[in-house]
Protein backbone atom coordinates (compact mmCIF):
# COMPACT_ATOMS: atom_id res chain seq x y z
CA MET A 1 0.00 0.00 0.00
CA ASN A 2 1.99 2.93 -1.30
CA SER A 3 -0.70 5.54 -1.62
CA LEU A 4 -3.54 6.71 0.55
CA ASN A 5 -6.13 6.02 -2.12
CA GLN A 6 -5.42 2.29 -1.77
CA ILE A 7 -6.56 2.24 1.85
CA GLU A 8 -10.07 0.88 2.13
CA VAL A 9 -12.01 3.07 4.56
CA PRO A 10 -15.80 2.77 4.80
CA GLN A 11 -17.55 5.89 3.51
CA LYS A 12 -19.20 6.63 6.90
CA LYS A 13 -15.85 6.66 8.68
CA GLN A 14 -13.88 8.82 6.24
CA THR A 15 -14.81 12.13 7.88
CA ALA A 16 -14.09 10.80 11.34
CA LEU A 17 -10.75 9.40 10.16
CA THR A 18 -9.86 12.74 8.58
CA GLU A 19 -10.57 14.51 11.88
CA VAL A 20 -8.47 11.99 13.83
CA VAL A 21 -5.53 12.37 11.43
CA ALA A 22 -5.81 16.20 11.48
CA GLU A 23 -5.81 16.21 15.29
CA TYR A 24 -2.77 13.90 15.32
CA MET A 25 -0.95 16.17 12.85
CA GLN A 26 -1.73 19.23 14.96
CA LYS A 27 -0.37 17.53 18.09
CA ARG A 28 2.75 16.41 16.19
CA PHE A 29 3.30 19.98 14.99
CA LEU A 30 3.00 21.34 18.54
CA GLU A 31 5.30 18.58 19.79
CA GLU A 32 7.98 19.58 17.27
CA THR A 33 7.63 23.35 17.61
CA ARG A 34 6.85 23.81 21.29
CA GLU A 35 8.28 20.66 22.85
CA GLY A 36 4.86 19.42 23.88
CA PRO A 37 4.02 15.89 24.98
CA ARG A 38 4.72 13.03 22.58
CA ALA A 39 1.82 12.65 20.17
CA LEU A 40 0.74 9.12 19.39
CA PRO A 41 -1.60 8.24 16.54
CA ASP A 42 -4.97 6.66 17.18
CA ILE A 43 -4.93 2.91 16.57
CA SER A 44 -7.73 3.31 14.00
CA VAL A 45 -5.39 5.18 11.63
CA PRO A 46 -3.70 2.91 9.07
CA PHE A 47 0.09 2.77 9.37
CA SER A 48 0.71 4.13 5.86
CA MET A 49 -1.51 7.13 6.67
CA VAL A 50 0.45 7.76 9.89
CA CYS A 51 3.69 7.72 7.88
CA GLU A 52 2.22 10.18 5.37
CA ALA A 53 0.99 12.46 8.17
CA ASP A 54 4.40 12.38 9.88
CA HIS A 55 6.11 13.29 6.61
CA ILE A 56 3.74 16.22 6.01
CA VAL A 57 4.29 17.49 9.55
CA SER A 58 8.08 17.24 9.16
CA VAL A 59 7.99 19.41 6.01
CA VAL A 60 5.64 21.97 7.61
CA VAL A 61 7.82 22.12 10.75
CA ALA A 62 10.95 22.60 8.63
CA ALA A 63 9.29 25.57 6.92
CA TYR A 64 8.02 26.94 10.24
CA LYS A 65 11.57 26.90 11.60
CA ASN A 66 12.87 28.60 8.44
CA ILE A 67 11.08 31.96 8.28
CA VAL A 68 12.55 34.46 5.84
CA THR A 69 11.52 38.12 6.18
CA ILE A 70 11.39 39.80 2.81
CA TRP A 71 9.73 43.23 3.06
CA ASN A 72 6.93 45.21 4.61
CA ILE A 73 4.07 45.19 2.16
CA SER A 74 1.89 47.59 4.19
CA ARG A 75 4.37 50.48 3.91
CA GLY A 76 4.40 50.20 0.13
CA ASN A 77 8.08 49.35 0.09
CA SER A 78 8.84 48.49 -3.53
CA ARG A 79 11.72 46.12 -2.76
CA SER A 80 11.14 42.90 -4.66
CA ILE A 81 11.25 39.37 -3.31
CA ASP A 82 14.31 38.67 -5.48
CA THR A 83 16.16 41.58 -3.87
CA SER A 84 15.13 40.45 -0.39
CA LEU A 85 16.40 36.95 -0.99
CA ALA A 86 19.58 38.18 -2.66
CA PHE A 87 18.64 36.17 -5.77
CA GLN A 88 18.88 32.86 -3.95
CA GLU A 89 16.89 29.95 -5.28
CA ILE A 90 14.65 28.48 -2.60
CA LYS A 91 15.08 24.72 -2.37
CA LEU A 92 14.14 23.92 1.22
CA PRO A 93 10.79 24.36 2.98
CA VAL A 94 10.39 27.99 4.00
CA VAL A 95 7.87 30.57 5.18
CA LEU A 96 8.20 33.97 3.51
CA ALA A 97 6.91 36.76 5.75
CA ASP A 98 6.92 40.53 5.70
CA GLU A 99 8.73 42.63 8.31
CA GLU A 100 5.68 42.56 10.58
CA GLY A 101 5.57 38.77 10.59
CA ARG A 102 2.60 38.36 8.26
CA VAL A 103 2.96 35.16 6.26
CA LEU A 104 3.04 35.73 2.52
CA VAL A 105 3.94 32.24 1.28
CA TRP A 106 4.48 28.76 2.66
CA TYR A 107 6.85 26.89 0.33
CA LEU A 108 6.48 23.17 1.05
CA PRO A 109 8.35 21.15 -1.57
CA ASP A 110 7.59 17.41 -1.64
CA VAL A 111 4.99 17.73 1.12
CA VAL A 112 2.80 15.30 -0.80
CA SER A 113 4.44 11.93 -1.33
CA ARG A 114 5.30 10.79 -4.85
CA ALA A 115 2.78 7.92 -4.50
CA ASN A 116 -0.04 10.36 -3.72
CA GLN A 117 1.06 12.73 -6.48
CA ASN A 118 0.79 9.80 -8.88
CA ALA A 119 -2.64 8.88 -7.50
CA VAL A 120 -3.86 12.46 -8.07
CA TRP A 121 -2.37 12.46 -11.57
CA GLU A 122 -4.20 9.20 -12.38
CA SER A 123 -7.46 10.73 -11.13
CA ILE A 124 -6.94 13.82 -13.26
CA THR A 125 -6.19 11.81 -16.40
CA ARG A 126 -9.66 10.27 -16.09
CA LEU A 127 -10.99 13.79 -16.68
CA ARG A 128 -9.03 14.20 -19.94
CA ALA A 129 -12.10 14.08 -22.22
CA ASP A 130 -14.00 16.61 -20.13
CA LEU A 131 -10.97 18.88 -19.97
CA ASP A 132 -10.45 18.63 -23.73
CA ASP A 133 -14.12 19.58 -24.26
CA SER A 134 -13.64 22.68 -22.11
CA MET A 135 -10.98 23.94 -24.51
CA LYS A 136 -13.20 23.99 -27.60
CA PRO A 137 -13.47 27.51 -28.99
CA SER A 138 -16.82 29.10 -28.33
CA ARG A 139 -18.04 32.65 -28.13
CA SER A 140 -19.94 31.90 -24.94
CA ARG A 141 -16.87 30.55 -23.10
CA SER A 142 -15.11 32.81 -20.63
CA TRP A 143 -11.44 33.73 -20.67
CA ARG A 144 -10.79 30.92 -18.15
CA ASN A 145 -11.20 28.35 -20.92
CA ASP A 146 -9.21 30.21 -23.57
CA HIS A 147 -6.45 27.94 -24.88
CA LYS A 148 -4.00 30.89 -24.89
CA TYR A 149 -3.84 30.76 -21.07
CA PHE A 150 -2.66 27.14 -20.88
CA ARG A 151 0.86 25.91 -21.48
CA PRO A 152 1.15 24.45 -24.98
CA ASN A 153 3.36 21.57 -23.84
CA ALA A 154 1.18 20.53 -20.86
CA ASP A 155 0.06 16.90 -20.78
CA ILE A 156 -3.45 17.84 -19.70
CA LYS A 157 -5.11 21.20 -20.34
CA GLY A 158 -8.55 22.50 -19.54
CA ALA A 159 -10.86 23.74 -16.83
CA VAL A 160 -13.65 22.11 -14.88
CA ASP A 161 -16.47 24.45 -13.93
CA LEU A 162 -18.30 23.44 -10.78
CA SER A 163 -21.46 24.87 -9.30
CA PRO A 164 -22.09 23.96 -5.66
CA ALA A 165 -25.81 24.72 -6.09
CA TRP A 166 -26.26 22.60 -9.21
CA PHE A 167 -27.68 19.57 -7.42
CA GLN A 168 -30.51 21.58 -5.87
CA GLN A 169 -31.40 23.33 -9.12
CA GLY A 170 -34.65 22.11 -10.61
CA ARG A 171 -35.46 19.78 -7.74
CA GLY A 172 -38.28 21.66 -6.07
CA GLU A 173 -38.20 23.15 -2.64
CA PHE A 174 -36.30 21.57 0.22
CA SER A 175 -38.79 19.80 2.52
CA ALA A 176 -36.93 20.68 5.73
CA ALA A 177 -37.48 24.39 4.97
CA LYS A 178 -41.26 24.06 5.29
CA PRO A 179 -42.65 25.04 8.68
CA PRO A 180 -44.83 22.39 10.34
CA PRO A 181 -48.58 22.85 9.77
CA GLY A 182 -50.21 25.20 12.25
CA SER A 183 -46.90 26.64 13.50
CA ILE A 184 -47.52 30.09 12.06
């Protein structure tokens, strides 16, 4: 089991498992940054998921301990990020912050394991036909789907438009919204 998508978790328990893993990761972060008590994972969390969570926390902690102050954006200082970093390429996890400590960027290279990157890539390739359809020229399409804004050498190009209210559209009124008879 190299990737998280290969772990069989019943649908009803996925949200609970996510909350348990998030709580474990938070405790691990505090343990590493504030020398808190040793955080132990819940026994319901699969071992491969614990390993993934520990890796993510280690990258986030490395960035947290490597804060680079670049400039104060609120004063309108025009110094660029390149000038602030003395033209150094950033290769390690880092937090870029302004002079007042406001976080501008978290740079977290390799925070997602290669196995999970591959799993996401496989999932995206299943959308290839839909993505290709989104790139067809049409006068009604917005600039977001214009082929000029996508890299010509990209393996997969396109946009997926989602509407969170789509499911409810055209399905009548929601029954829970009706007041009980005689309550008015």
